[in-house]
Each structure stands twice: as C-alpha cells, then as structure tokens.
C-alpha atoms as a PDB file:
ATOM      1  CA  UNK A   1     -38.037 -16.693   5.205  1.00  0.00           C
ATOM      2  CA  UNK A   2     -34.570 -17.911   4.221  1.00  0.00           C
ATOM      3  CA  UNK A   3     -35.426 -21.508   3.252  1.00  0.00           C
ATOM      4  CA  UNK A   4     -38.316 -23.892   3.097  1.00  0.00           C
ATOM      5  CA  UNK A   5     -40.442 -24.143   6.199  1.00  0.00           C
ATOM      6  CA  UNK A   6     -39.325 -27.758   6.732  1.00  0.00           C
ATOM      7  CA  UNK A   7     -35.667 -26.665   6.865  1.00  0.00           C
ATOM      8  CA  UNK A   8     -36.226 -23.804   9.265  1.00  0.00           C
ATOM      9  CA  UNK A   9     -36.204 -24.111  13.034  1.00  0.00           C
ATOM     10  CA  UNK A  10     -36.846 -21.694  15.864  1.00  0.00           C
ATOM     11  CA  UNK A  11     -35.254 -22.138  19.255  1.00  0.00           C
ATOM     12  CA  UNK A  12     -35.505 -20.390  22.588  1.00  0.00           C
ATOM     13  CA  UNK A  13     -32.124 -20.290  24.327  1.00  0.00           C
ATOM     14  CA  UNK A  14     -31.141 -19.408  27.874  1.00  0.00           C
ATOM     15  CA  UNK A  15     -27.449 -18.829  28.563  1.00  0.00           C
ATOM     16  CA  UNK A  16     -25.808 -19.089  31.985  1.00  0.00           C
ATOM     17  CA  UNK A  17     -22.303 -18.003  32.960  1.00  0.00           C
ATOM     18  CA  UNK A  18     -20.343 -14.831  32.212  1.00  0.00           C
ATOM     19  CA  UNK A  19     -22.860 -13.592  29.668  1.00  0.00           C
ATOM     20  CA  UNK A  20     -23.732 -10.032  30.725  1.00  0.00           C
ATOM     21  CA  UNK A  21     -21.437  -7.052  30.341  1.00  0.00           C
ATOM     22  CA  UNK A  22     -19.214  -8.916  27.867  1.00  0.00           C
ATOM     23  CA  UNK A  23     -20.710  -7.922  24.501  1.00  0.00           C
ATOM     24  CA  UNK A  24     -22.984 -10.958  24.299  1.00  0.00           C
ATOM     25  CA  UNK A  25     -25.992  -9.194  22.772  1.00  0.00           C
ATOM     26  CA  UNK A  26     -23.854  -7.309  20.257  1.00  0.00           C
ATOM     27  CA  UNK A  27     -22.093 -10.552  19.277  1.00  0.00           C
ATOM     28  CA  UNK A  28     -25.419 -12.374  18.922  1.00  0.00           C
ATOM     29  CA  UNK A  29     -26.978  -9.634  16.790  1.00  0.00           C
ATOM     30  CA  UNK A  30     -23.905  -9.160  14.616  1.00  0.00           C
ATOM     31  CA  UNK A  31     -23.639 -12.879  13.873  1.00  0.00           C
ATOM     32  CA  UNK A  32     -27.384 -13.410  13.440  1.00  0.00           C
ATOM     33  CA  UNK A  33     -27.478 -10.548  10.931  1.00  0.00           C
ATOM     34  CA  UNK A  34     -24.493 -11.976   9.026  1.00  0.00           C
ATOM     35  CA  UNK A  35     -26.155 -15.407   8.911  1.00  0.00           C
ATOM     36  CA  UNK A  36     -29.564 -14.045   7.877  1.00  0.00           C
ATOM     37  CA  UNK A  37     -31.335 -15.265  11.026  1.00  0.00           C
ATOM     38  CA  UNK A  38     -34.300 -13.638  12.724  1.00  0.00           C
ATOM     39  CA  UNK A  39     -35.129 -13.317  16.406  1.00  0.00           C
ATOM     40  CA  UNK A  40     -34.133 -11.346  19.475  1.00  0.00           C
ATOM     41  CA  UNK A  41     -31.747 -11.329  22.440  1.00  0.00           C
ATOM     42  CA  UNK A  42     -32.001  -9.709  25.907  1.00  0.00           C
ATOM     43  CA  UNK A  43     -30.429  -9.678  29.365  1.00  0.00           C
ATOM     44  CA  UNK A  44     -32.440 -11.071  32.276  1.00  0.00           C
ATOM     45  CA  UNK A  45     -32.488  -9.733  35.840  1.00  0.00           C
ATOM     46  CA  UNK A  46     -30.949 -12.994  37.155  1.00  0.00           C
ATOM     47  CA  UNK A  47     -27.718 -12.562  35.158  1.00  0.00           C
ATOM     48  CA  UNK A  48     -28.697 -14.881  32.310  1.00  0.00           C
ATOM     49  CA  UNK A  49     -29.224 -13.977  28.673  1.00  0.00           C
ATOM     50  CA  UNK A  50     -32.285 -15.130  26.762  1.00  0.00           C
ATOM     51  CA  UNK A  51     -32.527 -15.429  22.983  1.00  0.00           C
ATOM     52  CA  UNK A  52     -34.875 -16.693  20.302  1.00  0.00           C
ATOM     53  CA  UNK A  53     -33.408 -17.376  16.889  1.00  0.00           C
ATOM     54  CA  UNK A  54     -34.931 -18.707  13.693  1.00  0.00           C
ATOM     55  CA  UNK A  55     -33.440 -20.032  10.472  1.00  0.00           C
ATOM     56  CA  UNK A  56     -31.797 -23.111   9.018  1.00  0.00           C
ATOM     57  CA  UNK A  57     -30.550 -25.488  11.719  1.00  0.00           C
ATOM     58  CA  UNK A  58     -26.985 -25.426  10.394  1.00  0.00           C
ATOM     59  CA  UNK A  59     -26.936 -21.616  10.635  1.00  0.00           C
ATOM     60  CA  UNK A  60     -28.419 -21.671  14.144  1.00  0.00           C
ATOM     61  CA  UNK A  61     -25.631 -24.047  15.209  1.00  0.00           C
ATOM     62  CA  UNK A  62     -23.092 -21.699  13.646  1.00  0.00           C
ATOM     63  CA  UNK A  63     -24.618 -18.759  15.549  1.00  0.00           C
ATOM     64  CA  UNK A  64     -24.117 -20.542  18.874  1.00  0.00           C
ATOM     65  CA  UNK A  65     -20.562 -21.516  17.928  1.00  0.00           C
ATOM     66  CA  UNK A  66     -19.758 -17.908  17.004  1.00  0.00           C
ATOM     67  CA  UNK A  67     -21.252 -16.588  20.258  1.00  0.00           C
ATOM     68  CA  UNK A  68     -19.217 -19.124  22.269  1.00  0.00           C
ATOM     69  CA  UNK A  69     -16.039 -17.889  20.582  1.00  0.00           C
ATOM     70  CA  UNK A  70     -16.640 -14.328  21.816  1.00  0.00           C
ATOM     71  CA  UNK A  71     -13.554 -12.954  23.554  1.00  0.00           C
ATOM     72  CA  UNK A  72     -15.020 -12.484  27.058  1.00  0.00           C
ATOM     73  CA  UNK A  73     -18.148 -14.631  26.818  1.00  0.00           C
ATOM     74  CA  UNK A  74     -18.069 -17.755  28.992  1.00  0.00           C
ATOM     75  CA  UNK A  75     -21.176 -19.928  28.701  1.00  0.00           C
ATOM     76  CA  UNK A  76     -21.349 -22.430  31.567  1.00  0.00           C
ATOM     77  CA  UNK A  77     -24.730 -23.851  30.631  1.00  0.00           C
ATOM     78  CA  UNK A  78     -27.182 -23.529  27.767  1.00  0.00           C
ATOM     79  CA  UNK A  79     -30.848 -24.527  27.647  1.00  0.00           C
ATOM     80  CA  UNK A  80     -32.473 -24.873  24.228  1.00  0.00           C
ATOM     81  CA  UNK A  81     -36.167 -25.429  23.503  1.00  0.00           C
ATOM     82  CA  UNK A  82     -37.673 -25.812  20.038  1.00  0.00           C
ATOM     83  CA  UNK A  83     -40.536 -23.454  19.235  1.00  0.00           C
ATOM     84  CA  UNK A  84     -42.983 -22.883  16.404  1.00  0.00           C
ATOM     85  CA  UNK A  85     -41.773 -20.870  13.416  1.00  0.00           C
ATOM     86  CA  UNK A  86     -42.755 -17.179  13.376  1.00  0.00           C
ATOM     87  CA  UNK A  87     -43.550 -16.429   9.712  1.00  0.00           C
ATOM     88  CA  UNK A  88     -44.071 -12.722  10.478  1.00  0.00           C
ATOM     89  CA  UNK A  89     -40.654 -12.000  11.948  1.00  0.00           C
ATOM     90  CA  UNK A  90     -38.033 -10.071  10.022  1.00  0.00           C
ATOM     91  CA  UNK A  91     -34.563  -9.247  11.265  1.00  0.00           C
ATOM     92  CA  UNK A  92     -32.812  -9.816  14.565  1.00  0.00           C
ATOM     93  CA  UNK A  93     -33.066  -7.288  17.398  1.00  0.00           C
ATOM     94  CA  UNK A  94     -31.733  -6.539  20.846  1.00  0.00           C
ATOM     95  CA  UNK A  95     -34.597  -6.190  23.305  1.00  0.00           C
ATOM     96  CA  UNK A  96     -34.551  -3.977  26.373  1.00  0.00           C
ATOM     97  CA  UNK A  97     -33.085  -5.505  29.504  1.00  0.00           C
ATOM     98  CA  UNK A  98     -35.514  -7.192  31.878  1.00  0.00           C
END
C-alpha cells in the first residue's frame, strides 16, 4: 500500500471511443507502474476498455490524464465507479482480452 488507507481509492473505469488497437493498455500499464498504482486493464468484446486502478486519488487523476494524452487514444466517454480497496493487490497488470 502506497499511503494510508484513508488516502487511497480504488476505481473501476470503462472507456469508450478509439481505445482499442491504439496502445491503450500499454499506456495504462506504463503510467500506472510509474505512479506506483495497482490494478488491471483489459479490452472488452464491445470495443471498450475496462480498468481498475488503486492508489492515492491525485495519482489516479494523473493516470487518467496521462492516458488521455496518448498519441492515438481518443476517449469519448468515461464511466468511473468507486470500489472497495483491495489490500492484497500488488502491481498493475494487463489482463487477457474478453
């Protein structure tokens, strides 16, 4: 855990737009690793990308900003839902596609 439990958040994200085949998952993992966040990212069969990320809120916001600045990534819509913290998760991974 990178901070106190009160400072940490975990969110489930769903991204819509030009988000598959544009390096989205690589960009998410690279930035999450650099920021010390945990979680996962995967492509969905419907063309969306799904991600869960955990860490300090400021760093989670920075992760989304960095993903949005990806060269070919175009996010038209983003859904975000707060979740319970996973104290047993370490690292950030790319999951298999759908």
